[in-house]
Amino acid sequence: MRSMFIRILTGVGLLLIVSSCATVPDEPLAPGQLRLTGVRFPDVGGVKTNLKYVVNLKFEADGRPEITRVCVYWSVYGPSCEDPMEVNYGNGTLSSFVRTPLKGQYSFKAYVYYLRNGVSLRSNMVEIPMDVTP
């Protein structure tokens, strides 16, 4: 009975620790810093192999750092970098062309390079699972 009580308390303690970590807000952005927060492909009924798509990245930034390159990985393929097509600081979105790889399941990862005080910096990386079909 005592060991069961200890297990329950341990489980509750672990749940509290995990949930408290999940609710802690990200640290504040430094002046001129940019952080990616999400990635989305257009809803076109599936991503097909060897085509160019417009990918949309969500970001938050302190000020208006100049985004110079958008780079992506498809699991083991990459990086492949393009110029951003459109950057909207008002709603924190940017778009760029991305060419898809061969058919398969991939981990799609994206990051950007941006200028902060005249220095080129790399942002954090965002990642989503992707299925590329023929």
N, C-alpha and C. Protein backbone atom coordinates (compact mmCIF):
# COMPACT_ATOMS: atom_id res chain seq x y z
N MET A 1 0.82 -1.19 0.00
CA MET A 1 0.00 0.00 0.00
C MET A 1 0.87 1.26 0.00
N ARG A 2 1.93 1.22 0.80
CA ARG A 2 2.80 2.40 0.88
C ARG A 2 3.51 2.64 -0.45
N SER A 3 3.96 1.56 -1.13
CA SER A 3 4.65 1.74 -2.41
C SER A 3 3.70 2.31 -3.48
N MET A 4 2.44 1.93 -3.43
CA MET A 4 1.47 2.46 -4.38
C MET A 4 1.27 3.96 -4.13
N PHE A 5 1.19 4.36 -2.87
CA PHE A 5 1.05 5.77 -2.52
C PHE A 5 2.25 6.57 -3.02
N ILE A 6 3.45 6.02 -2.88
CA ILE A 6 4.67 6.69 -3.34
C ILE A 6 4.65 6.82 -4.86
N ARG A 7 4.21 5.79 -5.57
CA ARG A 7 4.11 5.85 -7.02
C ARG A 7 3.13 6.93 -7.48
N ILE A 8 2.00 7.01 -6.81
CA ILE A 8 1.00 8.02 -7.16
C ILE A 8 1.56 9.42 -6.92
N LEU A 9 2.20 9.63 -5.78
CA LEU A 9 2.79 10.94 -5.49
C LEU A 9 3.88 11.30 -6.50
N THR A 10 4.69 10.31 -6.86
CA THR A 10 5.74 10.55 -7.85
C THR A 10 5.13 10.92 -9.19
N GLY A 11 4.09 10.21 -9.60
CA GLY A 11 3.42 10.52 -10.87
C GLY A 11 2.81 11.91 -10.87
N VAL A 12 2.15 12.28 -9.79
CA VAL A 12 1.56 13.62 -9.69
C VAL A 12 2.67 14.67 -9.73
N GLY A 13 3.77 14.42 -9.02
CA GLY A 13 4.89 15.36 -9.02
C GLY A 13 5.47 15.55 -10.41
N LEU A 14 5.65 14.45 -11.15
CA LEU A 14 6.17 14.55 -12.50
C LEU A 14 5.21 15.31 -13.42
N LEU A 15 3.93 15.05 -13.28
CA LEU A 15 2.95 15.79 -14.08
C LEU A 15 2.99 17.29 -13.79
N LEU A 16 3.14 17.65 -12.55
CA LEU A 16 3.23 19.07 -12.20
C LEU A 16 4.48 19.72 -12.79
N ILE A 17 5.59 18.99 -12.73
CA ILE A 17 6.84 19.53 -13.28
C ILE A 17 6.72 19.71 -14.79
N VAL A 18 6.22 18.70 -15.49
CA VAL A 18 6.08 18.77 -16.95
C VAL A 18 5.11 19.88 -17.35
N SER A 19 3.97 19.97 -16.67
CA SER A 19 3.00 21.01 -17.05
C SER A 19 3.52 22.40 -16.73
N SER A 20 4.29 22.55 -15.67
CA SER A 20 4.82 23.87 -15.37
C SER A 20 5.86 24.28 -16.40
N CYS A 21 6.65 23.33 -16.91
CA CYS A 21 7.62 23.65 -17.95
C CYS A 21 6.93 24.03 -19.25
N ALA A 22 5.81 23.39 -19.53
CA ALA A 22 5.11 23.64 -20.79
C ALA A 22 4.44 25.01 -20.80
N THR A 23 4.16 25.57 -19.64
CA THR A 23 3.45 26.84 -19.60
C THR A 23 4.37 28.04 -19.40
N VAL A 24 5.66 27.80 -19.21
CA VAL A 24 6.59 28.91 -19.05
C VAL A 24 6.76 29.60 -20.39
N PRO A 25 6.53 30.91 -20.45
CA PRO A 25 6.68 31.61 -21.74
C PRO A 25 8.14 31.63 -22.18
N ASP A 26 8.33 31.73 -23.50
CA ASP A 26 9.69 31.85 -24.03
C ASP A 26 10.33 33.10 -23.47
N GLU A 27 11.64 33.07 -23.36
CA GLU A 27 12.32 34.26 -22.85
C GLU A 27 12.13 35.41 -23.83
N PRO A 28 12.16 36.63 -23.32
CA PRO A 28 11.93 37.78 -24.19
C PRO A 28 12.98 37.89 -25.29
N LEU A 29 12.57 38.46 -26.39
CA LEU A 29 13.50 38.67 -27.50
C LEU A 29 14.46 39.81 -27.18
N ALA A 30 15.70 39.63 -27.59
CA ALA A 30 16.68 40.71 -27.47
C ALA A 30 16.39 41.74 -28.56
N PRO A 31 16.86 42.96 -28.41
CA PRO A 31 16.64 43.97 -29.46
C PRO A 31 17.13 43.48 -30.83
N GLY A 32 16.22 43.53 -31.81
CA GLY A 32 16.56 43.11 -33.17
C GLY A 32 16.53 41.62 -33.40
N GLN A 33 16.18 40.82 -32.41
CA GLN A 33 16.17 39.35 -32.54
C GLN A 33 14.90 38.88 -33.24
N LEU A 34 15.02 37.75 -33.94
CA LEU A 34 13.90 37.13 -34.64
C LEU A 34 13.81 35.67 -34.20
N ARG A 35 12.57 35.19 -34.00
CA ARG A 35 12.35 33.80 -33.60
C ARG A 35 11.23 33.22 -34.44
N LEU A 36 11.48 32.07 -35.10
CA LEU A 36 10.43 31.38 -35.85
C LEU A 36 9.52 30.65 -34.87
N THR A 37 8.21 30.66 -35.17
CA THR A 37 7.26 30.01 -34.27
C THR A 37 6.41 28.95 -34.96
N GLY A 38 6.46 28.87 -36.30
CA GLY A 38 5.66 27.87 -36.98
C GLY A 38 5.93 27.85 -38.47
N VAL A 39 5.45 26.77 -39.11
CA VAL A 39 5.61 26.61 -40.56
C VAL A 39 4.33 25.97 -41.10
N ARG A 40 3.95 26.39 -42.31
CA ARG A 40 2.73 25.85 -42.91
C ARG A 40 2.87 25.82 -44.43
N PHE A 41 2.49 24.68 -45.00
CA PHE A 41 2.40 24.54 -46.45
C PHE A 41 0.97 24.86 -46.86
N PRO A 42 0.76 25.27 -48.11
CA PRO A 42 -0.62 25.55 -48.55
C PRO A 42 -1.46 24.28 -48.54
N ASP A 43 -2.74 24.44 -48.30
CA ASP A 43 -3.67 23.31 -48.33
C ASP A 43 -4.05 23.03 -49.77
N VAL A 44 -3.30 22.13 -50.41
CA VAL A 44 -3.52 21.85 -51.83
C VAL A 44 -3.82 20.37 -52.07
N GLY A 45 -4.22 19.66 -51.02
CA GLY A 45 -4.54 18.25 -51.19
C GLY A 45 -3.33 17.34 -51.24
N GLY A 46 -2.28 17.74 -50.58
CA GLY A 46 -1.08 16.91 -50.54
C GLY A 46 0.09 17.57 -51.25
N VAL A 47 1.26 17.32 -50.74
CA VAL A 47 2.49 17.88 -51.32
C VAL A 47 3.07 16.85 -52.28
N LYS A 48 3.28 17.26 -53.51
CA LYS A 48 3.76 16.36 -54.57
C LYS A 48 5.27 16.48 -54.75
N THR A 49 5.86 15.42 -55.28
CA THR A 49 7.30 15.37 -55.46
C THR A 49 7.78 16.30 -56.57
N ASN A 50 8.96 16.86 -56.36
CA ASN A 50 9.70 17.65 -57.35
C ASN A 50 8.92 18.85 -57.91
N LEU A 51 8.19 19.54 -57.02
CA LEU A 51 7.48 20.76 -57.39
C LEU A 51 7.91 21.89 -56.46
N LYS A 52 7.66 23.12 -56.88
CA LYS A 52 7.93 24.28 -56.03
C LYS A 52 6.64 24.70 -55.36
N TYR A 53 6.70 24.87 -54.05
CA TYR A 53 5.57 25.33 -53.26
C TYR A 53 5.96 26.61 -52.53
N VAL A 54 4.98 27.38 -52.17
CA VAL A 54 5.21 28.53 -51.31
C VAL A 54 4.98 28.07 -49.88
N VAL A 55 6.02 28.16 -49.06
CA VAL A 55 5.91 27.80 -47.66
C VAL A 55 5.78 29.09 -46.86
N ASN A 56 4.94 29.07 -45.84
CA ASN A 56 4.72 30.22 -44.98
C ASN A 56 5.31 29.95 -43.60
N LEU A 57 6.14 30.86 -43.14
CA LEU A 57 6.74 30.76 -41.82
C LEU A 57 6.17 31.85 -40.92
N LYS A 58 5.87 31.50 -39.70
CA LYS A 58 5.39 32.45 -38.70
C LYS A 58 6.57 32.82 -37.83
N PHE A 59 6.69 34.11 -37.47
CA PHE A 59 7.80 34.54 -36.63
C PHE A 59 7.36 35.66 -35.70
N GLU A 60 8.19 35.88 -34.70
CA GLU A 60 8.05 37.06 -33.86
C GLU A 60 9.41 37.74 -33.87
N ALA A 61 9.40 39.05 -33.81
CA ALA A 61 10.65 39.79 -33.90
C ALA A 61 10.56 41.06 -33.06
N ASP A 62 11.71 41.46 -32.57
CA ASP A 62 11.83 42.74 -31.91
C ASP A 62 12.29 43.73 -32.97
N GLY A 63 11.42 44.63 -33.37
CA GLY A 63 11.76 45.55 -34.44
C GLY A 63 11.51 44.92 -35.80
N ARG A 64 12.31 45.31 -36.78
CA ARG A 64 12.17 44.81 -38.14
C ARG A 64 13.51 44.31 -38.67
N PRO A 65 14.03 43.21 -38.13
CA PRO A 65 15.29 42.71 -38.67
C PRO A 65 15.11 42.28 -40.13
N GLU A 66 16.10 42.58 -40.95
CA GLU A 66 16.02 42.24 -42.38
C GLU A 66 16.28 40.75 -42.58
N ILE A 67 15.28 40.05 -43.12
CA ILE A 67 15.41 38.61 -43.39
C ILE A 67 16.04 38.47 -44.77
N THR A 68 17.20 37.80 -44.82
CA THR A 68 17.96 37.74 -46.06
C THR A 68 17.85 36.40 -46.78
N ARG A 69 17.70 35.30 -46.06
CA ARG A 69 17.61 33.96 -46.68
C ARG A 69 16.67 33.08 -45.88
N VAL A 70 15.98 32.19 -46.57
CA VAL A 70 15.13 31.17 -45.96
C VAL A 70 15.74 29.83 -46.35
N CYS A 71 16.10 29.00 -45.36
CA CYS A 71 16.76 27.72 -45.62
C CYS A 71 15.92 26.58 -45.08
N VAL A 72 15.92 25.45 -45.83
CA VAL A 72 15.13 24.29 -45.44
C VAL A 72 15.94 23.01 -45.58
N TYR A 73 15.54 22.03 -44.77
CA TYR A 73 16.04 20.66 -44.86
C TYR A 73 14.84 19.75 -45.06
N TRP A 74 15.02 18.71 -45.83
CA TRP A 74 14.05 17.61 -45.93
C TRP A 74 14.77 16.39 -45.38
N SER A 75 14.68 16.15 -44.08
CA SER A 75 15.42 15.09 -43.39
C SER A 75 16.89 15.19 -43.77
N VAL A 76 17.36 14.34 -44.68
CA VAL A 76 18.79 14.32 -45.03
C VAL A 76 19.12 15.22 -46.21
N TYR A 77 18.12 15.76 -46.92
CA TYR A 77 18.38 16.62 -48.07
C TYR A 77 18.43 18.08 -47.62
N GLY A 78 19.53 18.73 -47.90
CA GLY A 78 19.60 20.15 -47.58
C GLY A 78 20.92 20.51 -46.95
N PRO A 79 21.09 21.75 -46.59
CA PRO A 79 20.08 22.79 -46.70
C PRO A 79 19.96 23.33 -48.12
N SER A 80 18.81 23.87 -48.39
CA SER A 80 18.52 24.56 -49.63
C SER A 80 18.00 25.93 -49.23
N CYS A 81 18.59 27.00 -49.77
CA CYS A 81 18.22 28.35 -49.34
C CYS A 81 17.70 29.19 -50.51
N GLU A 82 16.74 30.02 -50.22
CA GLU A 82 16.12 30.93 -51.19
C GLU A 82 15.97 32.30 -50.55
N ASP A 83 15.80 33.31 -51.40
CA ASP A 83 15.45 34.64 -50.89
C ASP A 83 14.00 34.61 -50.43
N PRO A 84 13.65 35.37 -49.39
CA PRO A 84 12.23 35.44 -49.01
C PRO A 84 11.44 36.15 -50.10
N MET A 85 10.21 35.68 -50.34
CA MET A 85 9.34 36.32 -51.33
C MET A 85 8.67 37.54 -50.73
N GLU A 86 8.09 37.34 -49.56
CA GLU A 86 7.32 38.40 -48.93
C GLU A 86 7.50 38.31 -47.42
N VAL A 87 7.69 39.44 -46.78
CA VAL A 87 7.81 39.51 -45.33
C VAL A 87 6.78 40.51 -44.83
N ASN A 88 5.95 40.08 -43.88
CA ASN A 88 4.93 40.94 -43.30
C ASN A 88 5.20 41.05 -41.80
N TYR A 89 5.77 42.16 -41.37
CA TYR A 89 6.10 42.34 -39.96
C TYR A 89 4.85 42.57 -39.12
N GLY A 90 3.79 43.07 -39.74
CA GLY A 90 2.56 43.33 -39.01
C GLY A 90 1.95 42.08 -38.40
N ASN A 91 1.86 41.02 -39.21
CA ASN A 91 1.30 39.77 -38.68
C ASN A 91 2.36 38.69 -38.46
N GLY A 92 3.64 39.02 -38.64
CA GLY A 92 4.73 38.09 -38.34
C GLY A 92 4.75 36.88 -39.25
N THR A 93 4.65 37.11 -40.56
CA THR A 93 4.72 35.99 -41.51
C THR A 93 5.71 36.32 -42.62
N LEU A 94 6.27 35.26 -43.18
CA LEU A 94 7.10 35.41 -44.37
C LEU A 94 6.86 34.20 -45.25
N SER A 95 7.10 34.36 -46.53
CA SER A 95 6.89 33.26 -47.46
C SER A 95 8.10 33.13 -48.37
N SER A 96 8.31 31.90 -48.85
CA SER A 96 9.43 31.61 -49.74
C SER A 96 9.09 30.37 -50.56
N PHE A 97 9.75 30.24 -51.72
CA PHE A 97 9.59 29.04 -52.53
C PHE A 97 10.42 27.91 -51.93
N VAL A 98 9.87 26.69 -52.01
CA VAL A 98 10.55 25.49 -51.55
C VAL A 98 10.33 24.40 -52.58
N ARG A 99 11.40 23.75 -53.02
CA ARG A 99 11.26 22.62 -53.95
C ARG A 99 11.19 21.33 -53.13
N THR A 100 10.24 20.47 -53.48
CA THR A 100 10.05 19.22 -52.73
C THR A 100 10.99 18.13 -53.25
N PRO A 101 11.36 17.19 -52.38
CA PRO A 101 12.24 16.09 -52.78
C PRO A 101 11.43 14.93 -53.36
N LEU A 102 12.08 13.78 -53.46
CA LEU A 102 11.43 12.56 -53.94
C LEU A 102 10.36 12.10 -52.97
N LYS A 103 9.50 11.19 -53.45
CA LYS A 103 8.42 10.62 -52.65
C LYS A 103 8.97 10.05 -51.34
N GLY A 104 8.25 10.29 -50.25
CA GLY A 104 8.64 9.72 -48.97
C GLY A 104 8.13 10.54 -47.80
N GLN A 105 8.45 10.05 -46.60
CA GLN A 105 8.11 10.75 -45.37
C GLN A 105 9.36 11.47 -44.89
N TYR A 106 9.19 12.75 -44.56
CA TYR A 106 10.32 13.59 -44.20
C TYR A 106 10.04 14.39 -42.94
N SER A 107 11.11 14.84 -42.35
CA SER A 107 11.04 15.86 -41.32
C SER A 107 11.47 17.15 -42.01
N PHE A 108 10.52 18.06 -42.20
CA PHE A 108 10.80 19.33 -42.87
C PHE A 108 11.23 20.33 -41.81
N LYS A 109 12.42 20.91 -42.00
CA LYS A 109 12.96 21.88 -41.05
C LYS A 109 13.27 23.17 -41.80
N ALA A 110 13.01 24.29 -41.14
CA ALA A 110 13.27 25.60 -41.76
C ALA A 110 13.89 26.55 -40.75
N TYR A 111 14.75 27.42 -41.25
CA TYR A 111 15.32 28.50 -40.46
C TYR A 111 15.61 29.66 -41.40
N VAL A 112 15.88 30.82 -40.86
CA VAL A 112 16.18 31.99 -41.68
C VAL A 112 17.46 32.64 -41.21
N TYR A 113 18.07 33.37 -42.13
CA TYR A 113 19.17 34.27 -41.79
C TYR A 113 18.62 35.68 -41.82
N TYR A 114 19.03 36.48 -40.84
CA TYR A 114 18.57 37.86 -40.76
C TYR A 114 19.70 38.75 -40.27
N LEU A 115 19.55 40.04 -40.55
CA LEU A 115 20.56 41.01 -40.13
C LEU A 115 20.14 41.68 -38.83
N ARG A 116 21.05 41.72 -37.88
CA ARG A 116 20.85 42.39 -36.60
C ARG A 116 22.08 43.24 -36.33
N ASN A 117 21.91 44.53 -36.34
CA ASN A 117 23.03 45.47 -36.16
C ASN A 117 24.14 45.23 -37.18
N GLY A 118 23.74 44.91 -38.42
CA GLY A 118 24.70 44.71 -39.49
C GLY A 118 25.37 43.35 -39.49
N VAL A 119 25.01 42.47 -38.57
CA VAL A 119 25.60 41.13 -38.47
C VAL A 119 24.56 40.11 -38.90
N SER A 120 24.96 39.16 -39.74
CA SER A 120 24.06 38.10 -40.19
C SER A 120 23.96 37.03 -39.10
N LEU A 121 22.73 36.72 -38.69
CA LEU A 121 22.48 35.70 -37.67
C LEU A 121 21.52 34.65 -38.20
N ARG A 122 21.60 33.47 -37.62
CA ARG A 122 20.68 32.38 -37.98
C ARG A 122 19.62 32.25 -36.90
N SER A 123 18.37 32.11 -37.31
CA SER A 123 17.28 31.96 -36.35
C SER A 123 17.25 30.54 -35.80
N ASN A 124 16.31 30.32 -34.91
CA ASN A 124 16.02 28.97 -34.47
C ASN A 124 15.40 28.18 -35.63
N MET A 125 15.25 26.88 -35.45
CA MET A 125 14.70 26.02 -36.50
C MET A 125 13.30 25.56 -36.09
N VAL A 126 12.36 25.57 -37.05
CA VAL A 126 11.04 24.98 -36.83
C VAL A 126 10.95 23.72 -37.67
N GLU A 127 10.13 22.77 -37.22
CA GLU A 127 10.10 21.45 -37.86
C GLU A 127 8.68 20.89 -37.86
N ILE A 128 8.30 20.25 -38.98
CA ILE A 128 7.04 19.54 -39.08
C ILE A 128 7.25 18.25 -39.88
N PRO A 129 6.46 17.21 -39.62
CA PRO A 129 6.53 16.01 -40.45
C PRO A 129 5.81 16.25 -41.76
N MET A 130 6.33 15.70 -42.84
CA MET A 130 5.72 15.90 -44.16
C MET A 130 5.72 14.59 -44.95
N ASP A 131 4.63 14.35 -45.66
CA ASP A 131 4.54 13.25 -46.61
C ASP A 131 4.57 13.85 -48.00
N VAL A 132 5.51 13.42 -48.82
CA VAL A 132 5.60 13.87 -50.21
C VAL A 132 5.14 12.70 -51.06
N THR A 133 4.16 12.96 -51.93
CA THR A 133 3.57 11.90 -52.75
C THR A 133 3.90 12.12 -54.23
N PRO A 134 3.84 11.04 -55.03
CA PRO A 134 4.17 11.20 -56.46
C PRO A 134 3.14 12.03 -57.20
